[in-house]
Amino acid sequence: MKKFIVASIVTFMIASSAIAGTDGENSLSKKPPSQVKDCFEGLNRATFSLNQGLDKAIFKPVAKGYRKLPSSVRTGTSNVLINISSLLTIPNNILQGEFKKAGINTGRFIVNTTVGILGIFDVASKMDFPEYEKEDYGQTFGFWGIGEGCYVVLPVLGPSTVRDTFGSFVNLLGGDPYYNASTHGNNEYLSDSLYMKTKIMTGVDFRAKNLESIDNLEKNSMDFYASVRSLYLQDRQQKIANSNPTIEIMYEGDWEEID
C-alpha cells in the first residue's frame, strides 16, 4: 500500500512535467503527435477534474510552503533527488542499448555521491560530464516499439497511456533499484521510510518549480484537459525519440533559472 501511495505522488509529478515550463499559452510544435486514441474520454475528464481538486487542496499549498525555503536548500535538495533518480535511468540506458550513456551516468552518480556528498553538490556537471537525461521503463518500452495504447488519466497519478502506466508499475513492483536497496539491502542509510520521504520530496520539489507555468496554462487554455493531453503525448514521444524538446521542462536541478 505504501508503495502505491509513493508511486501515485511521483507519477503525478512525472505526468505533470508535460505541461511544466511552458509560457502558459499551450505552445506546441506544428507537427502534431501521432494519434493516440482517448478511448475513455468521459471517465478521463472526470478523473482529471478529481486530480485538479487534489492538486489545489494538497500539492499546490505544500509546494508554496516549500518555495519559502532558502534557494541553497532547494538547490541541494534538487541535486540529491536527481542523483537518486539516476539509479532508475542507468538500467534503462542499458535496456535501450545506450551503454555509453549508462557508463557516463554511473560515473556521474559515483562522483556526486562521494565528492558531491550524496549529491548535494553537482560536482559531475562542474567536471564537464554530459548533461543528464532521465529515462524510465515507459520510454524503454517505446524504444522497443511497443505502442502507447489508449490515453488514460489515472486517479492522483494523472495523464498516462496504457504503455506508460505499465512501465510505472514495473518500476513500482520491483524495478526501482533504490527501493530494492532501501528495503532489501540491509543498508541502515537507505531505510524504507527514507525511500518514501525521498519520493514524496521529488513530487513536492517538482510542483514548486512549476506553480506559475501550470496556472498560466490552465488560465490560457480553452480546454485544459485537451491541452494537457496533447502536451503529455508530445513530450513522451520526444523523450522516446531523444529529440530536441519543443516544450521546455523544469527539472529538479533548475532552481537557478527561476530565482
C-alpha atoms as a PDB file:
ATOM      1  CA  MET A   1       0.000   0.000   0.000  1.00  0.00           C
ATOM      2  CA  LYS A   2       2.832   2.392   0.863  1.00  0.00           C
ATOM      3  CA  LYS A   3       4.486   1.725  -2.471  1.00  0.00           C
ATOM      4  CA  PHE A   4       1.216   2.565  -4.250  1.00  0.00           C
ATOM      5  CA  ILE A   5       0.933   5.891  -2.420  1.00  0.00           C
ATOM      6  CA  VAL A   6       4.512   6.788  -3.257  1.00  0.00           C
ATOM      7  CA  ALA A   7       4.093   5.817  -6.901  1.00  0.00           C
ATOM      8  CA  SER A   8       0.938   7.915  -7.113  1.00  0.00           C
ATOM      9  CA  ILE A   9       2.733  11.037  -5.937  1.00  0.00           C
ATOM     10  CA  VAL A  10       5.749  10.510  -8.145  1.00  0.00           C
ATOM     11  CA  THR A  11       3.820   9.610 -11.279  1.00  0.00           C
ATOM     12  CA  PHE A  12       1.652  12.705 -10.766  1.00  0.00           C
ATOM     13  CA  MET A  13       4.882  14.692 -10.815  1.00  0.00           C
ATOM     14  CA  ILE A  14       6.202  12.942 -13.916  1.00  0.00           C
ATOM     15  CA  ALA A  15       2.937  13.255 -15.838  1.00  0.00           C
ATOM     16  CA  SER A  16       2.636  16.922 -14.941  1.00  0.00           C
ATOM     17  CA  SER A  17       6.073  17.534 -16.433  1.00  0.00           C
ATOM     18  CA  ALA A  18       4.469  17.656 -19.864  1.00  0.00           C
ATOM     19  CA  ILE A  19       2.863  21.000 -19.005  1.00  0.00           C
ATOM     20  CA  ALA A  20       5.709  22.454 -16.965  1.00  0.00           C
ATOM     21  CA  GLY A  21       7.984  25.171 -18.221  1.00  0.00           C
ATOM     22  CA  THR A  22       5.641  26.498 -20.916  1.00  0.00           C
ATOM     23  CA  ASP A  23       4.642  30.145 -21.034  1.00  0.00           C
ATOM     24  CA  GLY A  24       1.020  29.268 -20.336  1.00  0.00           C
ATOM     25  CA  GLU A  25      -0.016  29.608 -23.952  1.00  0.00           C
ATOM     26  CA  ASN A  26      -0.032  25.923 -24.871  1.00  0.00           C
ATOM     27  CA  SER A  27       2.957  26.204 -27.234  1.00  0.00           C
ATOM     28  CA  LEU A  28       3.074  23.045 -29.336  1.00  0.00           C
ATOM     29  CA  SER A  29       5.188  22.223 -32.339  1.00  0.00           C
ATOM     30  CA  LYS A  30       3.385  22.481 -35.684  1.00  0.00           C
ATOM     31  CA  LYS A  31       3.785  18.752 -36.176  1.00  0.00           C
ATOM     32  CA  PRO A  32       1.137  17.062 -34.007  1.00  0.00           C
ATOM     33  CA  PRO A  33       1.942  13.848 -32.147  1.00  0.00           C
ATOM     34  CA  SER A  34       0.787  10.625 -33.763  1.00  0.00           C
ATOM     35  CA  GLN A  35      -2.790   9.748 -32.937  1.00  0.00           C
ATOM     36  CA  VAL A  36      -3.332   8.098 -29.580  1.00  0.00           C
ATOM     37  CA  LYS A  37      -6.973   7.222 -29.004  1.00  0.00           C
ATOM     38  CA  ASP A  38      -8.716   8.717 -25.995  1.00  0.00           C
ATOM     39  CA  CYS A  39     -10.810   5.592 -25.530  1.00  0.00           C
ATOM     40  CA  PHE A  40     -12.187   6.590 -22.126  1.00  0.00           C
ATOM     41  CA  GLU A  41     -12.607  10.346 -22.563  1.00  0.00           C
ATOM     42  CA  GLY A  42     -15.679  10.698 -20.364  1.00  0.00           C
ATOM     43  CA  LEU A  43     -14.092   8.855 -17.466  1.00  0.00           C
ATOM     44  CA  ASN A  44     -10.740  10.533 -18.128  1.00  0.00           C
ATOM     45  CA  ARG A  45     -12.265  14.008 -17.866  1.00  0.00           C
ATOM     46  CA  ALA A  46     -13.964  13.125 -14.576  1.00  0.00           C
ATOM     47  CA  THR A  47     -10.700  11.780 -13.175  1.00  0.00           C
ATOM     48  CA  PHE A  48      -8.851  14.855 -14.454  1.00  0.00           C
ATOM     49  CA  SER A  49     -11.252  17.083 -12.500  1.00  0.00           C
ATOM     50  CA  LEU A  50     -10.676  14.981  -9.387  1.00  0.00           C
ATOM     51  CA  ASN A  51      -6.917  15.348  -9.779  1.00  0.00           C
ATOM     52  CA  GLN A  52      -7.235  19.115 -10.187  1.00  0.00           C
ATOM     53  CA  GLY A  53      -9.125  19.241  -6.900  1.00  0.00           C
ATOM     54  CA  LEU A  54      -6.450  17.198  -5.147  1.00  0.00           C
ATOM     55  CA  ASP A  55      -3.735  19.408  -6.575  1.00  0.00           C
ATOM     56  CA  LYS A  56      -5.392  22.581  -5.324  1.00  0.00           C
ATOM     57  CA  ALA A  57      -6.100  21.081  -1.907  1.00  0.00           C
ATOM     58  CA  ILE A  58      -2.781  19.300  -1.270  1.00  0.00           C
ATOM     59  CA  PHE A  59       0.054  19.589  -3.779  1.00  0.00           C
ATOM     60  CA  LYS A  60      -0.132  23.300  -4.504  1.00  0.00           C
ATOM     61  CA  PRO A  61      -0.265  24.543  -0.860  1.00  0.00           C
ATOM     62  CA  VAL A  62       2.631  22.280   0.129  1.00  0.00           C
ATOM     63  CA  ALA A  63       4.623  23.418  -2.904  1.00  0.00           C
ATOM     64  CA  LYS A  64       4.070  27.066  -1.974  1.00  0.00           C
ATOM     65  CA  GLY A  65       5.412  26.399   1.506  1.00  0.00           C
ATOM     66  CA  TYR A  66       8.445  24.625   0.081  1.00  0.00           C
ATOM     67  CA  ARG A  67       9.205  27.646  -2.099  1.00  0.00           C
ATOM     68  CA  LYS A  68       9.756  29.753   1.008  1.00  0.00           C
ATOM     69  CA  LEU A  69      12.866  27.745   1.898  1.00  0.00           C
ATOM     70  CA  PRO A  70      16.265  29.327   1.071  1.00  0.00           C
ATOM     71  CA  SER A  71      17.424  28.826  -2.517  1.00  0.00           C
ATOM     72  CA  SER A  72      20.526  26.928  -1.379  1.00  0.00           C
ATOM     73  CA  VAL A  73      18.357  24.395   0.465  1.00  0.00           C
ATOM     74  CA  ARG A  74      16.081  23.874  -2.544  1.00  0.00           C
ATOM     75  CA  THR A  75      19.026  23.510  -4.922  1.00  0.00           C
ATOM     76  CA  GLY A  76      20.773  20.990  -2.677  1.00  0.00           C
ATOM     77  CA  THR A  77      17.556  19.014  -2.284  1.00  0.00           C
ATOM     78  CA  SER A  78      17.011  19.003  -6.050  1.00  0.00           C
ATOM     79  CA  ASN A  79      20.562  17.819  -6.676  1.00  0.00           C
ATOM     80  CA  VAL A  80      20.143  14.914  -4.260  1.00  0.00           C
ATOM     81  CA  LEU A  81      16.871  13.876  -5.907  1.00  0.00           C
ATOM     82  CA  ILE A  82      18.398  13.989  -9.388  1.00  0.00           C
ATOM     83  CA  ASN A  83      21.336  11.928  -8.165  1.00  0.00           C
ATOM     84  CA  ILE A  84      19.000   9.264  -6.795  1.00  0.00           C
ATOM     85  CA  SER A  85      16.924   9.220  -9.997  1.00  0.00           C
ATOM     86  CA  SER A  86      19.995   8.053 -11.933  1.00  0.00           C
ATOM     87  CA  LEU A  87      19.502   4.657 -10.278  1.00  0.00           C
ATOM     88  CA  LEU A  88      16.401   4.285 -12.460  1.00  0.00           C
ATOM     89  CA  THR A  89      17.942   5.882 -15.539  1.00  0.00           C
ATOM     90  CA  ILE A  90      21.059   3.669 -15.654  1.00  0.00           C
ATOM     91  CA  PRO A  91      19.262   0.296 -16.057  1.00  0.00           C
ATOM     92  CA  ASN A  92      17.013   1.829 -18.710  1.00  0.00           C
ATOM     93  CA  ASN A  93      20.084   3.128 -20.555  1.00  0.00           C
ATOM     94  CA  ILE A  94      21.285  -0.477 -20.643  1.00  0.00           C
ATOM     95  CA  LEU A  95      17.912  -1.864 -21.729  1.00  0.00           C
ATOM     96  CA  GLN A  96      17.938   0.606 -24.636  1.00  0.00           C
ATOM     97  CA  GLY A  97      21.460  -0.376 -25.638  1.00  0.00           C
ATOM     98  CA  GLU A  98      22.882   3.005 -24.618  1.00  0.00           C
ATOM     99  CA  PHE A  99      25.925   1.562 -22.876  1.00  0.00           C
ATOM    100  CA  LYS A 100      27.999   4.727 -23.200  1.00  0.00           C
ATOM    101  CA  LYS A 101      25.270   6.778 -21.504  1.00  0.00           C
ATOM    102  CA  ALA A 102      24.942   4.104 -18.820  1.00  0.00           C
ATOM    103  CA  GLY A 103      28.673   4.413 -18.149  1.00  0.00           C
ATOM    104  CA  ILE A 104      28.536   8.202 -18.056  1.00  0.00           C
ATOM    105  CA  ASN A 105      25.547   8.218 -15.702  1.00  0.00           C
ATOM    106  CA  THR A 106      27.225   5.632 -13.468  1.00  0.00           C
ATOM    107  CA  GLY A 107      30.309   7.841 -13.302  1.00  0.00           C
ATOM    108  CA  ARG A 108      28.123  10.871 -12.594  1.00  0.00           C
ATOM    109  CA  PHE A 109      26.368   9.022  -9.778  1.00  0.00           C
ATOM    110  CA  ILE A 110      29.639   7.874  -8.181  1.00  0.00           C
ATOM    111  CA  VAL A 111      31.220  11.335  -8.347  1.00  0.00           C
ATOM    112  CA  ASN A 112      28.192  13.164  -6.988  1.00  0.00           C
ATOM    113  CA  THR A 113      27.541  10.577  -4.279  1.00  0.00           C
ATOM    114  CA  THR A 114      31.116  10.724  -2.985  1.00  0.00           C
ATOM    115  CA  VAL A 115      32.737  14.071  -3.774  1.00  0.00           C
ATOM    116  CA  GLY A 116      29.346  15.780  -4.013  1.00  0.00           C
ATOM    117  CA  ILE A 117      28.275  14.488  -0.572  1.00  0.00           C
ATOM    118  CA  LEU A 118      25.333  12.245  -1.534  1.00  0.00           C
ATOM    119  CA  GLY A 119      24.577  14.525  -4.469  1.00  0.00           C
ATOM    120  CA  ILE A 120      24.041  17.785  -2.592  1.00  0.00           C
ATOM    121  CA  PHE A 121      26.614  19.341  -4.926  1.00  0.00           C
ATOM    122  CA  ASP A 122      26.534  18.554  -8.644  1.00  0.00           C
ATOM    123  CA  VAL A 123      30.284  18.077  -8.955  1.00  0.00           C
ATOM    124  CA  ALA A 124      29.913  15.962 -12.119  1.00  0.00           C
ATOM    125  CA  SER A 125      28.499  18.909 -14.077  1.00  0.00           C
ATOM    126  CA  LYS A 126      31.397  21.090 -12.955  1.00  0.00           C
ATOM    127  CA  MET A 127      33.698  18.339 -14.262  1.00  0.00           C
ATOM    128  CA  ASP A 128      32.002  18.691 -17.685  1.00  0.00           C
ATOM    129  CA  PHE A 129      30.056  15.425 -17.621  1.00  0.00           C
ATOM    130  CA  PRO A 130      27.432  15.423 -20.429  1.00  0.00           C
ATOM    131  CA  GLU A 131      24.007  16.740 -19.471  1.00  0.00           C
ATOM    132  CA  TYR A 132      21.891  14.238 -17.568  1.00  0.00           C
ATOM    133  CA  GLU A 133      18.741  12.928 -19.274  1.00  0.00           C
ATOM    134  CA  LYS A 134      16.224  10.836 -17.361  1.00  0.00           C
ATOM    135  CA  GLU A 135      14.959   7.503 -18.676  1.00  0.00           C
ATOM    136  CA  ASP A 136      12.161   5.274 -17.405  1.00  0.00           C
ATOM    137  CA  TYR A 137      10.526   1.958 -18.296  1.00  0.00           C
ATOM    138  CA  GLY A 138       7.792   3.613 -20.364  1.00  0.00           C
ATOM    139  CA  GLN A 139      10.471   5.185 -22.549  1.00  0.00           C
ATOM    140  CA  THR A 140      12.234   1.846 -22.835  1.00  0.00           C
ATOM    141  CA  PHE A 141       9.024   0.121 -23.940  1.00  0.00           C
ATOM    142  CA  GLY A 142       8.517   2.852 -26.526  1.00  0.00           C
ATOM    143  CA  PHE A 143      12.098   2.428 -27.729  1.00  0.00           C
ATOM    144  CA  TRP A 144      11.370  -1.287 -28.171  1.00  0.00           C
ATOM    145  CA  GLY A 145       8.472  -0.392 -30.450  1.00  0.00           C
ATOM    146  CA  ILE A 146       5.607  -1.100 -28.061  1.00  0.00           C
ATOM    147  CA  GLY A 147       2.644   1.149 -28.915  1.00  0.00           C
ATOM    148  CA  GLU A 148       1.158   3.648 -26.493  1.00  0.00           C
ATOM    149  CA  GLY A 149      -2.268   2.071 -26.293  1.00  0.00           C
ATOM    150  CA  CYS A 150      -5.149   4.310 -25.233  1.00  0.00           C
ATOM    151  CA  TYR A 151      -4.649   7.592 -23.411  1.00  0.00           C
ATOM    152  CA  VAL A 152      -5.728   7.346 -19.783  1.00  0.00           C
ATOM    153  CA  VAL A 153      -5.960   9.665 -16.794  1.00  0.00           C
ATOM    154  CA  LEU A 154      -5.433   7.843 -13.519  1.00  0.00           C
ATOM    155  CA  PRO A 155      -6.583   8.997 -10.067  1.00  0.00           C
ATOM    156  CA  VAL A 156      -3.740  11.014  -8.485  1.00  0.00           C
ATOM    157  CA  LEU A 157      -1.255   9.575 -10.986  1.00  0.00           C
ATOM    158  CA  GLY A 158      -2.524  11.861 -13.759  1.00  0.00           C
ATOM    159  CA  PRO A 159      -2.025  11.708 -17.570  1.00  0.00           C
ATOM    160  CA  SER A 160      -0.612   8.474 -18.965  1.00  0.00           C
ATOM    161  CA  THR A 161      -1.059   5.812 -21.623  1.00  0.00           C
ATOM    162  CA  VAL A 162      -1.536   2.088 -21.230  1.00  0.00           C
ATOM    163  CA  ARG A 163       2.156   1.582 -22.034  1.00  0.00           C
ATOM    164  CA  ASP A 164       3.440   4.263 -19.640  1.00  0.00           C
ATOM    165  CA  THR A 165       1.145   3.059 -16.871  1.00  0.00           C
ATOM    166  CA  PHE A 166       2.523  -0.461 -17.215  1.00  0.00           C
ATOM    167  CA  GLY A 167       6.041   0.993 -17.189  1.00  0.00           C
ATOM    168  CA  SER A 168       5.323   2.846 -13.961  1.00  0.00           C
ATOM    169  CA  PHE A 169       4.117  -0.299 -12.266  1.00  0.00           C
ATOM    170  CA  VAL A 170       7.092  -2.334 -13.489  1.00  0.00           C
ATOM    171  CA  ASN A 171       9.156   0.136 -11.515  1.00  0.00           C
ATOM    172  CA  LEU A 172       6.721   0.026  -8.591  1.00  0.00           C
ATOM    173  CA  LEU A 173       6.659  -3.778  -8.409  1.00  0.00           C
ATOM    174  CA  GLY A 174      10.384  -4.268  -8.097  1.00  0.00           C
ATOM    175  CA  GLY A 175      12.255  -2.457 -10.836  1.00  0.00           C
ATOM    176  CA  ASP A 176      13.396   0.501  -8.753  1.00  0.00           C
ATOM    177  CA  PRO A 177      16.959  -0.256  -7.611  1.00  0.00           C
ATOM    178  CA  TYR A 178      16.824   2.467  -4.962  1.00  0.00           C
ATOM    179  CA  TYR A 179      13.746   0.867  -3.420  1.00  0.00           C
ATOM    180  CA  ASN A 180      15.369  -2.551  -3.511  1.00  0.00           C
ATOM    181  CA  ALA A 181      18.479  -1.206  -1.786  1.00  0.00           C
ATOM    182  CA  SER A 182      16.300   0.547   0.793  1.00  0.00           C
ATOM    183  CA  THR A 183      14.224  -2.459   1.791  1.00  0.00           C
ATOM    184  CA  HIS A 184      16.357  -5.496   0.965  1.00  0.00           C
ATOM    185  CA  GLY A 185      19.936  -4.264   1.002  1.00  0.00           C
ATOM    186  CA  ASN A 186      20.352  -4.176   4.794  1.00  0.00           C
ATOM    187  CA  ASN A 187      21.703  -0.638   4.480  1.00  0.00           C
ATOM    188  CA  GLU A 188      20.911   1.495   7.504  1.00  0.00           C
ATOM    189  CA  TYR A 189      21.139   4.672   5.413  1.00  0.00           C
ATOM    190  CA  LEU A 190      18.521   3.566   2.884  1.00  0.00           C
ATOM    191  CA  SER A 191      15.502   2.711   5.003  1.00  0.00           C
ATOM    192  CA  ASP A 192      12.000   2.134   3.672  1.00  0.00           C
ATOM    193  CA  SER A 193      10.944   5.338   5.427  1.00  0.00           C
ATOM    194  CA  LEU A 194      13.723   7.323   3.782  1.00  0.00           C
ATOM    195  CA  TYR A 195      12.739   5.932   0.393  1.00  0.00           C
ATOM    196  CA  MET A 196       9.161   7.159   0.839  1.00  0.00           C
ATOM    197  CA  LYS A 197      10.269  10.591   2.036  1.00  0.00           C
ATOM    198  CA  THR A 198      12.615  10.937  -0.916  1.00  0.00           C
ATOM    199  CA  LYS A 199       9.915  10.080  -3.447  1.00  0.00           C
ATOM    200  CA  ILE A 200       7.414  12.458  -1.831  1.00  0.00           C
ATOM    201  CA  MET A 201      10.003  15.240  -1.826  1.00  0.00           C
ATOM    202  CA  THR A 202      10.600  14.665  -5.542  1.00  0.00           C
ATOM    203  CA  GLY A 203       6.930  15.421  -6.233  1.00  0.00           C
ATOM    204  CA  VAL A 204       6.873  18.481  -3.969  1.00  0.00           C
ATOM    205  CA  ASP A 205      10.117  19.824  -5.426  1.00  0.00           C
ATOM    206  CA  PHE A 206       8.855  19.492  -8.981  1.00  0.00           C
ATOM    207  CA  ARG A 207       5.460  21.040  -8.275  1.00  0.00           C
ATOM    208  CA  ALA A 208       7.058  24.013  -6.522  1.00  0.00           C
ATOM    209  CA  LYS A 209       9.155  24.824  -9.583  1.00  0.00           C
ATOM    210  CA  ASN A 210       6.166  24.879 -11.894  1.00  0.00           C
ATOM    211  CA  LEU A 211       3.446  26.731  -9.994  1.00  0.00           C
ATOM    212  CA  GLU A 212       3.170  29.611 -12.464  1.00  0.00           C
ATOM    213  CA  SER A 213       3.558  27.565 -15.638  1.00  0.00           C
ATOM    214  CA  ILE A 214       0.734  25.199 -14.738  1.00  0.00           C
ATOM    215  CA  ASP A 215      -1.511  28.034 -13.522  1.00  0.00           C
ATOM    216  CA  ASN A 216      -0.858  30.022 -16.702  1.00  0.00           C
ATOM    217  CA  LEU A 217      -1.585  27.062 -18.949  1.00  0.00           C
ATOM    218  CA  GLU A 218      -4.870  26.436 -17.164  1.00  0.00           C
ATOM    219  CA  LYS A 219      -5.803  30.120 -17.422  1.00  0.00           C
ATOM    220  CA  ASN A 220      -4.958  30.393 -21.127  1.00  0.00           C
ATOM    221  CA  SER A 221      -6.380  27.069 -22.324  1.00  0.00           C
ATOM    222  CA  MET A 222      -9.861  26.889 -23.804  1.00  0.00           C
ATOM    223  CA  ASP A 223      -9.845  23.182 -22.873  1.00  0.00           C
ATOM    224  CA  PHE A 224      -7.288  22.492 -20.145  1.00  0.00           C
ATOM    225  CA  TYR A 225      -7.870  18.741 -20.363  1.00  0.00           C
ATOM    226  CA  ALA A 226      -7.123  18.657 -24.104  1.00  0.00           C
ATOM    227  CA  SER A 227      -4.064  20.875 -23.653  1.00  0.00           C
ATOM    228  CA  VAL A 228      -2.574  18.591 -21.017  1.00  0.00           C
ATOM    229  CA  ARG A 229      -3.312  15.520 -23.132  1.00  0.00           C
ATOM    230  CA  SER A 230      -1.600  16.965 -26.209  1.00  0.00           C
ATOM    231  CA  LEU A 231       1.417  18.223 -24.284  1.00  0.00           C
ATOM    232  CA  TYR A 232       1.845  14.954 -22.398  1.00  0.00           C
ATOM    233  CA  LEU A 233       1.737  12.808 -25.540  1.00  0.00           C
ATOM    234  CA  GLN A 234       4.108  15.093 -27.416  1.00  0.00           C
ATOM    235  CA  ASP A 235       6.542  15.224 -24.520  1.00  0.00           C
ATOM    236  CA  ARG A 236       6.630  11.437 -24.217  1.00  0.00           C
ATOM    237  CA  GLN A 237       7.249  10.986 -27.945  1.00  0.00           C
ATOM    238  CA  GLN A 238      10.141  13.438 -27.812  1.00  0.00           C
ATOM    239  CA  LYS A 239      11.696  11.664 -24.838  1.00  0.00           C
ATOM    240  CA  ILE A 240      11.464   8.269 -26.542  1.00  0.00           C
ATOM    241  CA  ALA A 241      12.976   9.652 -29.747  1.00  0.00           C
ATOM    242  CA  ASN A 242      15.629  11.581 -27.765  1.00  0.00           C
ATOM    243  CA  SER A 243      14.774  14.607 -29.906  1.00  0.00           C
ATOM    244  CA  ASN A 244      15.141  18.247 -29.005  1.00  0.00           C
ATOM    245  CA  PRO A 245      12.087  19.279 -26.979  1.00  0.00           C
ATOM    246  CA  THR A 246       9.679  21.958 -28.143  1.00  0.00           C
ATOM    247  CA  ILE A 247       8.438  22.075 -24.556  1.00  0.00           C
ATOM    248  CA  GLU A 248      10.886  23.453 -22.003  1.00  0.00           C
ATOM    249  CA  ILE A 249      10.563  21.346 -18.850  1.00  0.00           C
ATOM    250  CA  MET A 250      11.882  22.435 -15.486  1.00  0.00           C
ATOM    251  CA  TYR A 251      13.587  19.552 -13.722  1.00  0.00           C
ATOM    252  CA  GLU A 252      14.809  19.200 -10.154  1.00  0.00           C
ATOM    253  CA  GLY A 253      18.143  20.940 -10.713  1.00  0.00           C
ATOM    254  CA  ASP A 254      16.815  24.116 -12.360  1.00  0.00           C
ATOM    255  CA  TRP A 255      16.172  26.443  -9.419  1.00  0.00           C
ATOM    256  CA  GLU A 256      18.803  28.912 -10.584  1.00  0.00           C
ATOM    257  CA  GLU A 257      16.701  29.556 -13.711  1.00  0.00           C
ATOM    258  CA  ILE A 258      13.764  30.967 -11.782  1.00  0.00           C
ATOM    259  CA  ASP A 259      15.365  32.546  -8.715  1.00  0.00           C
END
